[in-house]
Amino acid sequence: NLNCGCPSDRVQSGSFGAILMESP
């Protein structure tokens, strides 16, 4: 499963998690 939902700062800095909602 690919995580496109986690909102943590650490995840954002790696350009994955919830921020991927901006990059389908």
PDBML (XML) file of the C-alpha atoms, coordinates in Angstrom:
<?xml version="1.0" encoding="UTF-8" ?>
<PDBx:datablock datablockName="MODEL"
   xmlns:PDBx="http://pdbml.pdb.org/schema/pdbx-v50.xsd"
   xmlns:xsi="http://www.w3.org/2001/XMLSchema-instance"
   xsi:schemaLocation="http://pdbml.pdb.org/schema/pdbx-v50.xsd pdbx-v50.xsd">
   <PDBx:atom_siteCategory>
      <PDBx:atom_site id="1">
         <PDBx:B_iso_or_equiv>0.00</PDBx:B_iso_or_equiv>
         <PDBx:Cartn_x>0.000</PDBx:Cartn_x>
         <PDBx:Cartn_y>0.000</PDBx:Cartn_y>
         <PDBx:Cartn_z>0.000</PDBx:Cartn_z>
         <PDBx:auth_asym_id>A</PDBx:auth_asym_id>
         <PDBx:auth_atom_id>CA</PDBx:auth_atom_id>
         <PDBx:auth_comp_id>ASN</PDBx:auth_comp_id>
         <PDBx:auth_seq_id>1</PDBx:auth_seq_id>
         <PDBx:group_PDB>ATOM</PDBx:group_PDB>
         <PDBx:label_alt_id xsi:nil="true" />
         <PDBx:label_asym_id>A</PDBx:label_asym_id>
         <PDBx:label_atom_id>CA</PDBx:label_atom_id>
         <PDBx:label_comp_id>ASN</PDBx:label_comp_id>
         <PDBx:label_entity_id>1</PDBx:label_entity_id>
         <PDBx:label_seq_id>1</PDBx:label_seq_id>
         <PDBx:occupancy>1.00</PDBx:occupancy>
         <PDBx:pdbx_PDB_model_num>1</PDBx:pdbx_PDB_model_num>
         <PDBx:type_symbol>C</PDBx:type_symbol>
      </PDBx:atom_site>
      <PDBx:atom_site id="2">
         <PDBx:B_iso_or_equiv>0.00</PDBx:B_iso_or_equiv>
         <PDBx:Cartn_x>1.317</PDBx:Cartn_x>
         <PDBx:Cartn_y>3.439</PDBx:Cartn_y>
         <PDBx:Cartn_z>-0.936</PDBx:Cartn_z>
         <PDBx:auth_asym_id>A</PDBx:auth_asym_id>
         <PDBx:auth_atom_id>CA</PDBx:auth_atom_id>
         <PDBx:auth_comp_id>LEU</PDBx:auth_comp_id>
         <PDBx:auth_seq_id>2</PDBx:auth_seq_id>
         <PDBx:group_PDB>ATOM</PDBx:group_PDB>
         <PDBx:label_alt_id xsi:nil="true" />
         <PDBx:label_asym_id>A</PDBx:label_asym_id>
         <PDBx:label_atom_id>CA</PDBx:label_atom_id>
         <PDBx:label_comp_id>LEU</PDBx:label_comp_id>
         <PDBx:label_entity_id>1</PDBx:label_entity_id>
         <PDBx:label_seq_id>2</PDBx:label_seq_id>
         <PDBx:occupancy>1.00</PDBx:occupancy>
         <PDBx:pdbx_PDB_model_num>1</PDBx:pdbx_PDB_model_num>
         <PDBx:type_symbol>C</PDBx:type_symbol>
      </PDBx:atom_site>
      <PDBx:atom_site id="3">
         <PDBx:B_iso_or_equiv>0.00</PDBx:B_iso_or_equiv>
         <PDBx:Cartn_x>0.844</PDBx:Cartn_x>
         <PDBx:Cartn_y>6.117</PDBx:Cartn_y>
         <PDBx:Cartn_z>1.711</PDBx:Cartn_z>
         <PDBx:auth_asym_id>A</PDBx:auth_asym_id>
         <PDBx:auth_atom_id>CA</PDBx:auth_atom_id>
         <PDBx:auth_comp_id>ASN</PDBx:auth_comp_id>
         <PDBx:auth_seq_id>3</PDBx:auth_seq_id>
         <PDBx:group_PDB>ATOM</PDBx:group_PDB>
         <PDBx:label_alt_id xsi:nil="true" />
         <PDBx:label_asym_id>A</PDBx:label_asym_id>
         <PDBx:label_atom_id>CA</PDBx:label_atom_id>
         <PDBx:label_comp_id>ASN</PDBx:label_comp_id>
         <PDBx:label_entity_id>1</PDBx:label_entity_id>
         <PDBx:label_seq_id>3</PDBx:label_seq_id>
         <PDBx:occupancy>1.00</PDBx:occupancy>
         <PDBx:pdbx_PDB_model_num>1</PDBx:pdbx_PDB_model_num>
         <PDBx:type_symbol>C</PDBx:type_symbol>
      </PDBx:atom_site>
      <PDBx:atom_site id="4">
         <PDBx:B_iso_or_equiv>0.00</PDBx:B_iso_or_equiv>
         <PDBx:Cartn_x>-0.690</PDBx:Cartn_x>
         <PDBx:Cartn_y>9.292</PDBx:Cartn_y>
         <PDBx:Cartn_z>0.286</PDBx:Cartn_z>
         <PDBx:auth_asym_id>A</PDBx:auth_asym_id>
         <PDBx:auth_atom_id>CA</PDBx:auth_atom_id>
         <PDBx:auth_comp_id>CYS</PDBx:auth_comp_id>
         <PDBx:auth_seq_id>4</PDBx:auth_seq_id>
         <PDBx:group_PDB>ATOM</PDBx:group_PDB>
         <PDBx:label_alt_id xsi:nil="true" />
         <PDBx:label_asym_id>A</PDBx:label_asym_id>
         <PDBx:label_atom_id>CA</PDBx:label_atom_id>
         <PDBx:label_comp_id>CYS</PDBx:label_comp_id>
         <PDBx:label_entity_id>1</PDBx:label_entity_id>
         <PDBx:label_seq_id>4</PDBx:label_seq_id>
         <PDBx:occupancy>1.00</PDBx:occupancy>
         <PDBx:pdbx_PDB_model_num>1</PDBx:pdbx_PDB_model_num>
         <PDBx:type_symbol>C</PDBx:type_symbol>
      </PDBx:atom_site>
      <PDBx:atom_site id="5">
         <PDBx:B_iso_or_equiv>0.00</PDBx:B_iso_or_equiv>
         <PDBx:Cartn_x>-2.264</PDBx:Cartn_x>
         <PDBx:Cartn_y>10.429</PDBx:Cartn_y>
         <PDBx:Cartn_z>3.530</PDBx:Cartn_z>
         <PDBx:auth_asym_id>A</PDBx:auth_asym_id>
         <PDBx:auth_atom_id>CA</PDBx:auth_atom_id>
         <PDBx:auth_comp_id>GLY</PDBx:auth_comp_id>
         <PDBx:auth_seq_id>5</PDBx:auth_seq_id>
         <PDBx:group_PDB>ATOM</PDBx:group_PDB>
         <PDBx:label_alt_id xsi:nil="true" />
         <PDBx:label_asym_id>A</PDBx:label_asym_id>
         <PDBx:label_atom_id>CA</PDBx:label_atom_id>
         <PDBx:label_comp_id>GLY</PDBx:label_comp_id>
         <PDBx:label_entity_id>1</PDBx:label_entity_id>
         <PDBx:label_seq_id>5</PDBx:label_seq_id>
         <PDBx:occupancy>1.00</PDBx:occupancy>
         <PDBx:pdbx_PDB_model_num>1</PDBx:pdbx_PDB_model_num>
         <PDBx:type_symbol>C</PDBx:type_symbol>
      </PDBx:atom_site>
      <PDBx:atom_site id="6">
         <PDBx:B_iso_or_equiv>0.00</PDBx:B_iso_or_equiv>
         <PDBx:Cartn_x>0.281</PDBx:Cartn_x>
         <PDBx:Cartn_y>10.977</PDBx:Cartn_y>
         <PDBx:Cartn_z>6.312</PDBx:Cartn_z>
         <PDBx:auth_asym_id>A</PDBx:auth_asym_id>
         <PDBx:auth_atom_id>CA</PDBx:auth_atom_id>
         <PDBx:auth_comp_id>CYS</PDBx:auth_comp_id>
         <PDBx:auth_seq_id>6</PDBx:auth_seq_id>
         <PDBx:group_PDB>ATOM</PDBx:group_PDB>
         <PDBx:label_alt_id xsi:nil="true" />
         <PDBx:label_asym_id>A</PDBx:label_asym_id>
         <PDBx:label_atom_id>CA</PDBx:label_atom_id>
         <PDBx:label_comp_id>CYS</PDBx:label_comp_id>
         <PDBx:label_entity_id>1</PDBx:label_entity_id>
         <PDBx:label_seq_id>6</PDBx:label_seq_id>
         <PDBx:occupancy>1.00</PDBx:occupancy>
         <PDBx:pdbx_PDB_model_num>1</PDBx:pdbx_PDB_model_num>
         <PDBx:type_symbol>C</PDBx:type_symbol>
      </PDBx:atom_site>
      <PDBx:atom_site id="7">
         <PDBx:B_iso_or_equiv>0.00</PDBx:B_iso_or_equiv>
         <PDBx:Cartn_x>0.556</PDBx:Cartn_x>
         <PDBx:Cartn_y>14.706</PDBx:Cartn_y>
         <PDBx:Cartn_z>7.189</PDBx:Cartn_z>
         <PDBx:auth_asym_id>A</PDBx:auth_asym_id>
         <PDBx:auth_atom_id>CA</PDBx:auth_atom_id>
         <PDBx:auth_comp_id>PRO</PDBx:auth_comp_id>
         <PDBx:auth_seq_id>7</PDBx:auth_seq_id>
         <PDBx:group_PDB>ATOM</PDBx:group_PDB>
         <PDBx:label_alt_id xsi:nil="true" />
         <PDBx:label_asym_id>A</PDBx:label_asym_id>
         <PDBx:label_atom_id>CA</PDBx:label_atom_id>
         <PDBx:label_comp_id>PRO</PDBx:label_comp_id>
         <PDBx:label_entity_id>1</PDBx:label_entity_id>
         <PDBx:label_seq_id>7</PDBx:label_seq_id>
         <PDBx:occupancy>1.00</PDBx:occupancy>
         <PDBx:pdbx_PDB_model_num>1</PDBx:pdbx_PDB_model_num>
         <PDBx:type_symbol>C</PDBx:type_symbol>
      </PDBx:atom_site>
      <PDBx:atom_site id="8">
         <PDBx:B_iso_or_equiv>0.00</PDBx:B_iso_or_equiv>
         <PDBx:Cartn_x>3.717</PDBx:Cartn_x>
         <PDBx:Cartn_y>14.743</PDBx:Cartn_y>
         <PDBx:Cartn_z>9.333</PDBx:Cartn_z>
         <PDBx:auth_asym_id>A</PDBx:auth_asym_id>
         <PDBx:auth_atom_id>CA</PDBx:auth_atom_id>
         <PDBx:auth_comp_id>SER</PDBx:auth_comp_id>
         <PDBx:auth_seq_id>8</PDBx:auth_seq_id>
         <PDBx:group_PDB>ATOM</PDBx:group_PDB>
         <PDBx:label_alt_id xsi:nil="true" />
         <PDBx:label_asym_id>A</PDBx:label_asym_id>
         <PDBx:label_atom_id>CA</PDBx:label_atom_id>
         <PDBx:label_comp_id>SER</PDBx:label_comp_id>
         <PDBx:label_entity_id>1</PDBx:label_entity_id>
         <PDBx:label_seq_id>8</PDBx:label_seq_id>
         <PDBx:occupancy>1.00</PDBx:occupancy>
         <PDBx:pdbx_PDB_model_num>1</PDBx:pdbx_PDB_model_num>
         <PDBx:type_symbol>C</PDBx:type_symbol>
      </PDBx:atom_site>
      <PDBx:atom_site id="9">
         <PDBx:B_iso_or_equiv>0.00</PDBx:B_iso_or_equiv>
         <PDBx:Cartn_x>6.510</PDBx:Cartn_x>
         <PDBx:Cartn_y>17.263</PDBx:Cartn_y>
         <PDBx:Cartn_z>8.692</PDBx:Cartn_z>
         <PDBx:auth_asym_id>A</PDBx:auth_asym_id>
         <PDBx:auth_atom_id>CA</PDBx:auth_atom_id>
         <PDBx:auth_comp_id>ASP</PDBx:auth_comp_id>
         <PDBx:auth_seq_id>9</PDBx:auth_seq_id>
         <PDBx:group_PDB>ATOM</PDBx:group_PDB>
         <PDBx:label_alt_id xsi:nil="true" />
         <PDBx:label_asym_id>A</PDBx:label_asym_id>
         <PDBx:label_atom_id>CA</PDBx:label_atom_id>
         <PDBx:label_comp_id>ASP</PDBx:label_comp_id>
         <PDBx:label_entity_id>1</PDBx:label_entity_id>
         <PDBx:label_seq_id>9</PDBx:label_seq_id>
         <PDBx:occupancy>1.00</PDBx:occupancy>
         <PDBx:pdbx_PDB_model_num>1</PDBx:pdbx_PDB_model_num>
         <PDBx:type_symbol>C</PDBx:type_symbol>
      </PDBx:atom_site>
      <PDBx:atom_site id="10">
         <PDBx:B_iso_or_equiv>0.00</PDBx:B_iso_or_equiv>
         <PDBx:Cartn_x>9.044</PDBx:Cartn_x>
         <PDBx:Cartn_y>14.467</PDBx:Cartn_y>
         <PDBx:Cartn_z>8.290</PDBx:Cartn_z>
         <PDBx:auth_asym_id>A</PDBx:auth_asym_id>
         <PDBx:auth_atom_id>CA</PDBx:auth_atom_id>
         <PDBx:auth_comp_id>ARG</PDBx:auth_comp_id>
         <PDBx:auth_seq_id>10</PDBx:auth_seq_id>
         <PDBx:group_PDB>ATOM</PDBx:group_PDB>
         <PDBx:label_alt_id xsi:nil="true" />
         <PDBx:label_asym_id>A</PDBx:label_asym_id>
         <PDBx:label_atom_id>CA</PDBx:label_atom_id>
         <PDBx:label_comp_id>ARG</PDBx:label_comp_id>
         <PDBx:label_entity_id>1</PDBx:label_entity_id>
         <PDBx:label_seq_id>10</PDBx:label_seq_id>
         <PDBx:occupancy>1.00</PDBx:occupancy>
         <PDBx:pdbx_PDB_model_num>1</PDBx:pdbx_PDB_model_num>
         <PDBx:type_symbol>C</PDBx:type_symbol>
      </PDBx:atom_site>
      <PDBx:atom_site id="11">
         <PDBx:B_iso_or_equiv>0.00</PDBx:B_iso_or_equiv>
         <PDBx:Cartn_x>6.963</PDBx:Cartn_x>
         <PDBx:Cartn_y>12.885</PDBx:Cartn_y>
         <PDBx:Cartn_z>5.555</PDBx:Cartn_z>
         <PDBx:auth_asym_id>A</PDBx:auth_asym_id>
         <PDBx:auth_atom_id>CA</PDBx:auth_atom_id>
         <PDBx:auth_comp_id>VAL</PDBx:auth_comp_id>
         <PDBx:auth_seq_id>11</PDBx:auth_seq_id>
         <PDBx:group_PDB>ATOM</PDBx:group_PDB>
         <PDBx:label_alt_id xsi:nil="true" />
         <PDBx:label_asym_id>A</PDBx:label_asym_id>
         <PDBx:label_atom_id>CA</PDBx:label_atom_id>
         <PDBx:label_comp_id>VAL</PDBx:label_comp_id>
         <PDBx:label_entity_id>1</PDBx:label_entity_id>
         <PDBx:label_seq_id>11</PDBx:label_seq_id>
         <PDBx:occupancy>1.00</PDBx:occupancy>
         <PDBx:pdbx_PDB_model_num>1</PDBx:pdbx_PDB_model_num>
         <PDBx:type_symbol>C</PDBx:type_symbol>
      </PDBx:atom_site>
      <PDBx:atom_site id="12">
         <PDBx:B_iso_or_equiv>0.00</PDBx:B_iso_or_equiv>
         <PDBx:Cartn_x>6.398</PDBx:Cartn_x>
         <PDBx:Cartn_y>16.219</PDBx:Cartn_y>
         <PDBx:Cartn_z>3.802</PDBx:Cartn_z>
         <PDBx:auth_asym_id>A</PDBx:auth_asym_id>
         <PDBx:auth_atom_id>CA</PDBx:auth_atom_id>
         <PDBx:auth_comp_id>GLN</PDBx:auth_comp_id>
         <PDBx:auth_seq_id>12</PDBx:auth_seq_id>
         <PDBx:group_PDB>ATOM</PDBx:group_PDB>
         <PDBx:label_alt_id xsi:nil="true" />
         <PDBx:label_asym_id>A</PDBx:label_asym_id>
         <PDBx:label_atom_id>CA</PDBx:label_atom_id>
         <PDBx:label_comp_id>GLN</PDBx:label_comp_id>
         <PDBx:label_entity_id>1</PDBx:label_entity_id>
         <PDBx:label_seq_id>12</PDBx:label_seq_id>
         <PDBx:occupancy>1.00</PDBx:occupancy>
         <PDBx:pdbx_PDB_model_num>1</PDBx:pdbx_PDB_model_num>
         <PDBx:type_symbol>C</PDBx:type_symbol>
      </PDBx:atom_site>
      <PDBx:atom_site id="13">
         <PDBx:B_iso_or_equiv>0.00</PDBx:B_iso_or_equiv>
         <PDBx:Cartn_x>10.122</PDBx:Cartn_x>
         <PDBx:Cartn_y>16.930</PDBx:Cartn_y>
         <PDBx:Cartn_z>3.741</PDBx:Cartn_z>
         <PDBx:auth_asym_id>A</PDBx:auth_asym_id>
         <PDBx:auth_atom_id>CA</PDBx:auth_atom_id>
         <PDBx:auth_comp_id>SER</PDBx:auth_comp_id>
         <PDBx:auth_seq_id>13</PDBx:auth_seq_id>
         <PDBx:group_PDB>ATOM</PDBx:group_PDB>
         <PDBx:label_alt_id xsi:nil="true" />
         <PDBx:label_asym_id>A</PDBx:label_asym_id>
         <PDBx:label_atom_id>CA</PDBx:label_atom_id>
         <PDBx:label_comp_id>SER</PDBx:label_comp_id>
         <PDBx:label_entity_id>1</PDBx:label_entity_id>
         <PDBx:label_seq_id>13</PDBx:label_seq_id>
         <PDBx:occupancy>1.00</PDBx:occupancy>
         <PDBx:pdbx_PDB_model_num>1</PDBx:pdbx_PDB_model_num>
         <PDBx:type_symbol>C</PDBx:type_symbol>
      </PDBx:atom_site>
      <PDBx:atom_site id="14">
         <PDBx:B_iso_or_equiv>0.00</PDBx:B_iso_or_equiv>
         <PDBx:Cartn_x>10.557</PDBx:Cartn_x>
         <PDBx:Cartn_y>13.660</PDBx:Cartn_y>
         <PDBx:Cartn_z>1.869</PDBx:Cartn_z>
         <PDBx:auth_asym_id>A</PDBx:auth_asym_id>
         <PDBx:auth_atom_id>CA</PDBx:auth_atom_id>
         <PDBx:auth_comp_id>GLY</PDBx:auth_comp_id>
         <PDBx:auth_seq_id>14</PDBx:auth_seq_id>
         <PDBx:group_PDB>ATOM</PDBx:group_PDB>
         <PDBx:label_alt_id xsi:nil="true" />
         <PDBx:label_asym_id>A</PDBx:label_asym_id>
         <PDBx:label_atom_id>CA</PDBx:label_atom_id>
         <PDBx:label_comp_id>GLY</PDBx:label_comp_id>
         <PDBx:label_entity_id>1</PDBx:label_entity_id>
         <PDBx:label_seq_id>14</PDBx:label_seq_id>
         <PDBx:occupancy>1.00</PDBx:occupancy>
         <PDBx:pdbx_PDB_model_num>1</PDBx:pdbx_PDB_model_num>
         <PDBx:type_symbol>C</PDBx:type_symbol>
      </PDBx:atom_site>
      <PDBx:atom_site id="15">
         <PDBx:B_iso_or_equiv>0.00</PDBx:B_iso_or_equiv>
         <PDBx:Cartn_x>7.845</PDBx:Cartn_x>
         <PDBx:Cartn_y>14.672</PDBx:Cartn_y>
         <PDBx:Cartn_z>-0.616</PDBx:Cartn_z>
         <PDBx:auth_asym_id>A</PDBx:auth_asym_id>
         <PDBx:auth_atom_id>CA</PDBx:auth_atom_id>
         <PDBx:auth_comp_id>SER</PDBx:auth_comp_id>
         <PDBx:auth_seq_id>15</PDBx:auth_seq_id>
         <PDBx:group_PDB>ATOM</PDBx:group_PDB>
         <PDBx:label_alt_id xsi:nil="true" />
         <PDBx:label_asym_id>A</PDBx:label_asym_id>
         <PDBx:label_atom_id>CA</PDBx:label_atom_id>
         <PDBx:label_comp_id>SER</PDBx:label_comp_id>
         <PDBx:label_entity_id>1</PDBx:label_entity_id>
         <PDBx:label_seq_id>15</PDBx:label_seq_id>
         <PDBx:occupancy>1.00</PDBx:occupancy>
         <PDBx:pdbx_PDB_model_num>1</PDBx:pdbx_PDB_model_num>
         <PDBx:type_symbol>C</PDBx:type_symbol>
      </PDBx:atom_site>
      <PDBx:atom_site id="16">
         <PDBx:B_iso_or_equiv>0.00</PDBx:B_iso_or_equiv>
         <PDBx:Cartn_x>5.557</PDBx:Cartn_x>
         <PDBx:Cartn_y>11.776</PDBx:Cartn_y>
         <PDBx:Cartn_z>0.170</PDBx:Cartn_z>
         <PDBx:auth_asym_id>A</PDBx:auth_asym_id>
         <PDBx:auth_atom_id>CA</PDBx:auth_atom_id>
         <PDBx:auth_comp_id>PHE</PDBx:auth_comp_id>
         <PDBx:auth_seq_id>16</PDBx:auth_seq_id>
         <PDBx:group_PDB>ATOM</PDBx:group_PDB>
         <PDBx:label_alt_id xsi:nil="true" />
         <PDBx:label_asym_id>A</PDBx:label_asym_id>
         <PDBx:label_atom_id>CA</PDBx:label_atom_id>
         <PDBx:label_comp_id>PHE</PDBx:label_comp_id>
         <PDBx:label_entity_id>1</PDBx:label_entity_id>
         <PDBx:label_seq_id>16</PDBx:label_seq_id>
         <PDBx:occupancy>1.00</PDBx:occupancy>
         <PDBx:pdbx_PDB_model_num>1</PDBx:pdbx_PDB_model_num>
         <PDBx:type_symbol>C</PDBx:type_symbol>
      </PDBx:atom_site>
      <PDBx:atom_site id="17">
         <PDBx:B_iso_or_equiv>0.00</PDBx:B_iso_or_equiv>
         <PDBx:Cartn_x>2.512</PDBx:Cartn_x>
         <PDBx:Cartn_y>11.092</PDBx:Cartn_y>
         <PDBx:Cartn_z>2.295</PDBx:Cartn_z>
         <PDBx:auth_asym_id>A</PDBx:auth_asym_id>
         <PDBx:auth_atom_id>CA</PDBx:auth_atom_id>
         <PDBx:auth_comp_id>GLY</PDBx:auth_comp_id>
         <PDBx:auth_seq_id>17</PDBx:auth_seq_id>
         <PDBx:group_PDB>ATOM</PDBx:group_PDB>
         <PDBx:label_alt_id xsi:nil="true" />
         <PDBx:label_asym_id>A</PDBx:label_asym_id>
         <PDBx:label_atom_id>CA</PDBx:label_atom_id>
         <PDBx:label_comp_id>GLY</PDBx:label_comp_id>
         <PDBx:label_entity_id>1</PDBx:label_entity_id>
         <PDBx:label_seq_id>17</PDBx:label_seq_id>
         <PDBx:occupancy>1.00</PDBx:occupancy>
         <PDBx:pdbx_PDB_model_num>1</PDBx:pdbx_PDB_model_num>
         <PDBx:type_symbol>C</PDBx:type_symbol>
      </PDBx:atom_site>
      <PDBx:atom_site id="18">
         <PDBx:B_iso_or_equiv>0.00</PDBx:B_iso_or_equiv>
         <PDBx:Cartn_x>-0.427</PDBx:Cartn_x>
         <PDBx:Cartn_y>13.502</PDBx:Cartn_y>
         <PDBx:Cartn_z>2.049</PDBx:Cartn_z>
         <PDBx:auth_asym_id>A</PDBx:auth_asym_id>
         <PDBx:auth_atom_id>CA</PDBx:auth_atom_id>
         <PDBx:auth_comp_id>ALA</PDBx:auth_comp_id>
         <PDBx:auth_seq_id>18</PDBx:auth_seq_id>
         <PDBx:group_PDB>ATOM</PDBx:group_PDB>
         <PDBx:label_alt_id xsi:nil="true" />
         <PDBx:label_asym_id>A</PDBx:label_asym_id>
         <PDBx:label_atom_id>CA</PDBx:label_atom_id>
         <PDBx:label_comp_id>ALA</PDBx:label_comp_id>
         <PDBx:label_entity_id>1</PDBx:label_entity_id>
         <PDBx:label_seq_id>18</PDBx:label_seq_id>
         <PDBx:occupancy>1.00</PDBx:occupancy>
         <PDBx:pdbx_PDB_model_num>1</PDBx:pdbx_PDB_model_num>
         <PDBx:type_symbol>C</PDBx:type_symbol>
      </PDBx:atom_site>
      <PDBx:atom_site id="19">
         <PDBx:B_iso_or_equiv>0.00</PDBx:B_iso_or_equiv>
         <PDBx:Cartn_x>1.495</PDBx:Cartn_x>
         <PDBx:Cartn_y>16.000</PDBx:Cartn_y>
         <PDBx:Cartn_z>-0.050</PDBx:Cartn_z>
         <PDBx:auth_asym_id>A</PDBx:auth_asym_id>
         <PDBx:auth_atom_id>CA</PDBx:auth_atom_id>
         <PDBx:auth_comp_id>ILE</PDBx:auth_comp_id>
         <PDBx:auth_seq_id>19</PDBx:auth_seq_id>
         <PDBx:group_PDB>ATOM</PDBx:group_PDB>
         <PDBx:label_alt_id xsi:nil="true" />
         <PDBx:label_asym_id>A</PDBx:label_asym_id>
         <PDBx:label_atom_id>CA</PDBx:label_atom_id>
         <PDBx:label_comp_id>ILE</PDBx:label_comp_id>
         <PDBx:label_entity_id>1</PDBx:label_entity_id>
         <PDBx:label_seq_id>19</PDBx:label_seq_id>
         <PDBx:occupancy>1.00</PDBx:occupancy>
         <PDBx:pdbx_PDB_model_num>1</PDBx:pdbx_PDB_model_num>
         <PDBx:type_symbol>C</PDBx:type_symbol>
      </PDBx:atom_site>
      <PDBx:atom_site id="20">
         <PDBx:B_iso_or_equiv>0.00</PDBx:B_iso_or_equiv>
         <PDBx:Cartn_x>1.216</PDBx:Cartn_x>
         <PDBx:Cartn_y>13.498</PDBx:Cartn_y>
         <PDBx:Cartn_z>-2.916</PDBx:Cartn_z>
         <PDBx:auth_asym_id>A</PDBx:auth_asym_id>
         <PDBx:auth_atom_id>CA</PDBx:auth_atom_id>
         <PDBx:auth_comp_id>LEU</PDBx:auth_comp_id>
         <PDBx:auth_seq_id>20</PDBx:auth_seq_id>
         <PDBx:group_PDB>ATOM</PDBx:group_PDB>
         <PDBx:label_alt_id xsi:nil="true" />
         <PDBx:label_asym_id>A</PDBx:label_asym_id>
         <PDBx:label_atom_id>CA</PDBx:label_atom_id>
         <PDBx:label_comp_id>LEU</PDBx:label_comp_id>
         <PDBx:label_entity_id>1</PDBx:label_entity_id>
         <PDBx:label_seq_id>20</PDBx:label_seq_id>
         <PDBx:occupancy>1.00</PDBx:occupancy>
         <PDBx:pdbx_PDB_model_num>1</PDBx:pdbx_PDB_model_num>
         <PDBx:type_symbol>C</PDBx:type_symbol>
      </PDBx:atom_site>
      <PDBx:atom_site id="21">
         <PDBx:B_iso_or_equiv>0.00</PDBx:B_iso_or_equiv>
         <PDBx:Cartn_x>-2.451</PDBx:Cartn_x>
         <PDBx:Cartn_y>14.469</PDBx:Cartn_y>
         <PDBx:Cartn_z>-3.194</PDBx:Cartn_z>
         <PDBx:auth_asym_id>A</PDBx:auth_asym_id>
         <PDBx:auth_atom_id>CA</PDBx:auth_atom_id>
         <PDBx:auth_comp_id>MET</PDBx:auth_comp_id>
         <PDBx:auth_seq_id>21</PDBx:auth_seq_id>
         <PDBx:group_PDB>ATOM</PDBx:group_PDB>
         <PDBx:label_alt_id xsi:nil="true" />
         <PDBx:label_asym_id>A</PDBx:label_asym_id>
         <PDBx:label_atom_id>CA</PDBx:label_atom_id>
         <PDBx:label_comp_id>MET</PDBx:label_comp_id>
         <PDBx:label_entity_id>1</PDBx:label_entity_id>
         <PDBx:label_seq_id>21</PDBx:label_seq_id>
         <PDBx:occupancy>1.00</PDBx:occupancy>
         <PDBx:pdbx_PDB_model_num>1</PDBx:pdbx_PDB_model_num>
         <PDBx:type_symbol>C</PDBx:type_symbol>
      </PDBx:atom_site>
      <PDBx:atom_site id="22">
         <PDBx:B_iso_or_equiv>0.00</PDBx:B_iso_or_equiv>
         <PDBx:Cartn_x>-1.052</PDBx:Cartn_x>
         <PDBx:Cartn_y>17.471</PDBx:Cartn_y>
         <PDBx:Cartn_z>-5.074</PDBx:Cartn_z>
         <PDBx:auth_asym_id>A</PDBx:auth_asym_id>
         <PDBx:auth_atom_id>CA</PDBx:auth_atom_id>
         <PDBx:auth_comp_id>GLU</PDBx:auth_comp_id>
         <PDBx:auth_seq_id>22</PDBx:auth_seq_id>
         <PDBx:group_PDB>ATOM</PDBx:group_PDB>
         <PDBx:label_alt_id xsi:nil="true" />
         <PDBx:label_asym_id>A</PDBx:label_asym_id>
         <PDBx:label_atom_id>CA</PDBx:label_atom_id>
         <PDBx:label_comp_id>GLU</PDBx:label_comp_id>
         <PDBx:label_entity_id>1</PDBx:label_entity_id>
         <PDBx:label_seq_id>22</PDBx:label_seq_id>
         <PDBx:occupancy>1.00</PDBx:occupancy>
         <PDBx:pdbx_PDB_model_num>1</PDBx:pdbx_PDB_model_num>
         <PDBx:type_symbol>C</PDBx:type_symbol>
      </PDBx:atom_site>
      <PDBx:atom_site id="23">
         <PDBx:B_iso_or_equiv>0.00</PDBx:B_iso_or_equiv>
         <PDBx:Cartn_x>0.775</PDBx:Cartn_x>
         <PDBx:Cartn_y>15.219</PDBx:Cartn_y>
         <PDBx:Cartn_z>-7.564</PDBx:Cartn_z>
         <PDBx:auth_asym_id>A</PDBx:auth_asym_id>
         <PDBx:auth_atom_id>CA</PDBx:auth_atom_id>
         <PDBx:auth_comp_id>SER</PDBx:auth_comp_id>
         <PDBx:auth_seq_id>23</PDBx:auth_seq_id>
         <PDBx:group_PDB>ATOM</PDBx:group_PDB>
         <PDBx:label_alt_id xsi:nil="true" />
         <PDBx:label_asym_id>A</PDBx:label_asym_id>
         <PDBx:label_atom_id>CA</PDBx:label_atom_id>
         <PDBx:label_comp_id>SER</PDBx:label_comp_id>
         <PDBx:label_entity_id>1</PDBx:label_entity_id>
         <PDBx:label_seq_id>23</PDBx:label_seq_id>
         <PDBx:occupancy>1.00</PDBx:occupancy>
         <PDBx:pdbx_PDB_model_num>1</PDBx:pdbx_PDB_model_num>
         <PDBx:type_symbol>C</PDBx:type_symbol>
      </PDBx:atom_site>
      <PDBx:atom_site id="24">
         <PDBx:B_iso_or_equiv>0.00</PDBx:B_iso_or_equiv>
         <PDBx:Cartn_x>-1.508</PDBx:Cartn_x>
         <PDBx:Cartn_y>12.473</PDBx:Cartn_y>
         <PDBx:Cartn_z>-8.878</PDBx:Cartn_z>
         <PDBx:auth_asym_id>A</PDBx:auth_asym_id>
         <PDBx:auth_atom_id>CA</PDBx:auth_atom_id>
         <PDBx:auth_comp_id>PRO</PDBx:auth_comp_id>
         <PDBx:auth_seq_id>24</PDBx:auth_seq_id>
         <PDBx:group_PDB>ATOM</PDBx:group_PDB>
         <PDBx:label_alt_id xsi:nil="true" />
         <PDBx:label_asym_id>A</PDBx:label_asym_id>
         <PDBx:label_atom_id>CA</PDBx:label_atom_id>
         <PDBx:label_comp_id>PRO</PDBx:label_comp_id>
         <PDBx:label_entity_id>1</PDBx:label_entity_id>
         <PDBx:label_seq_id>24</PDBx:label_seq_id>
         <PDBx:occupancy>1.00</PDBx:occupancy>
         <PDBx:pdbx_PDB_model_num>1</PDBx:pdbx_PDB_model_num>
         <PDBx:type_symbol>C</PDBx:type_symbol>
      </PDBx:atom_site>
   </PDBx:atom_siteCategory>
</PDBx:datablock>
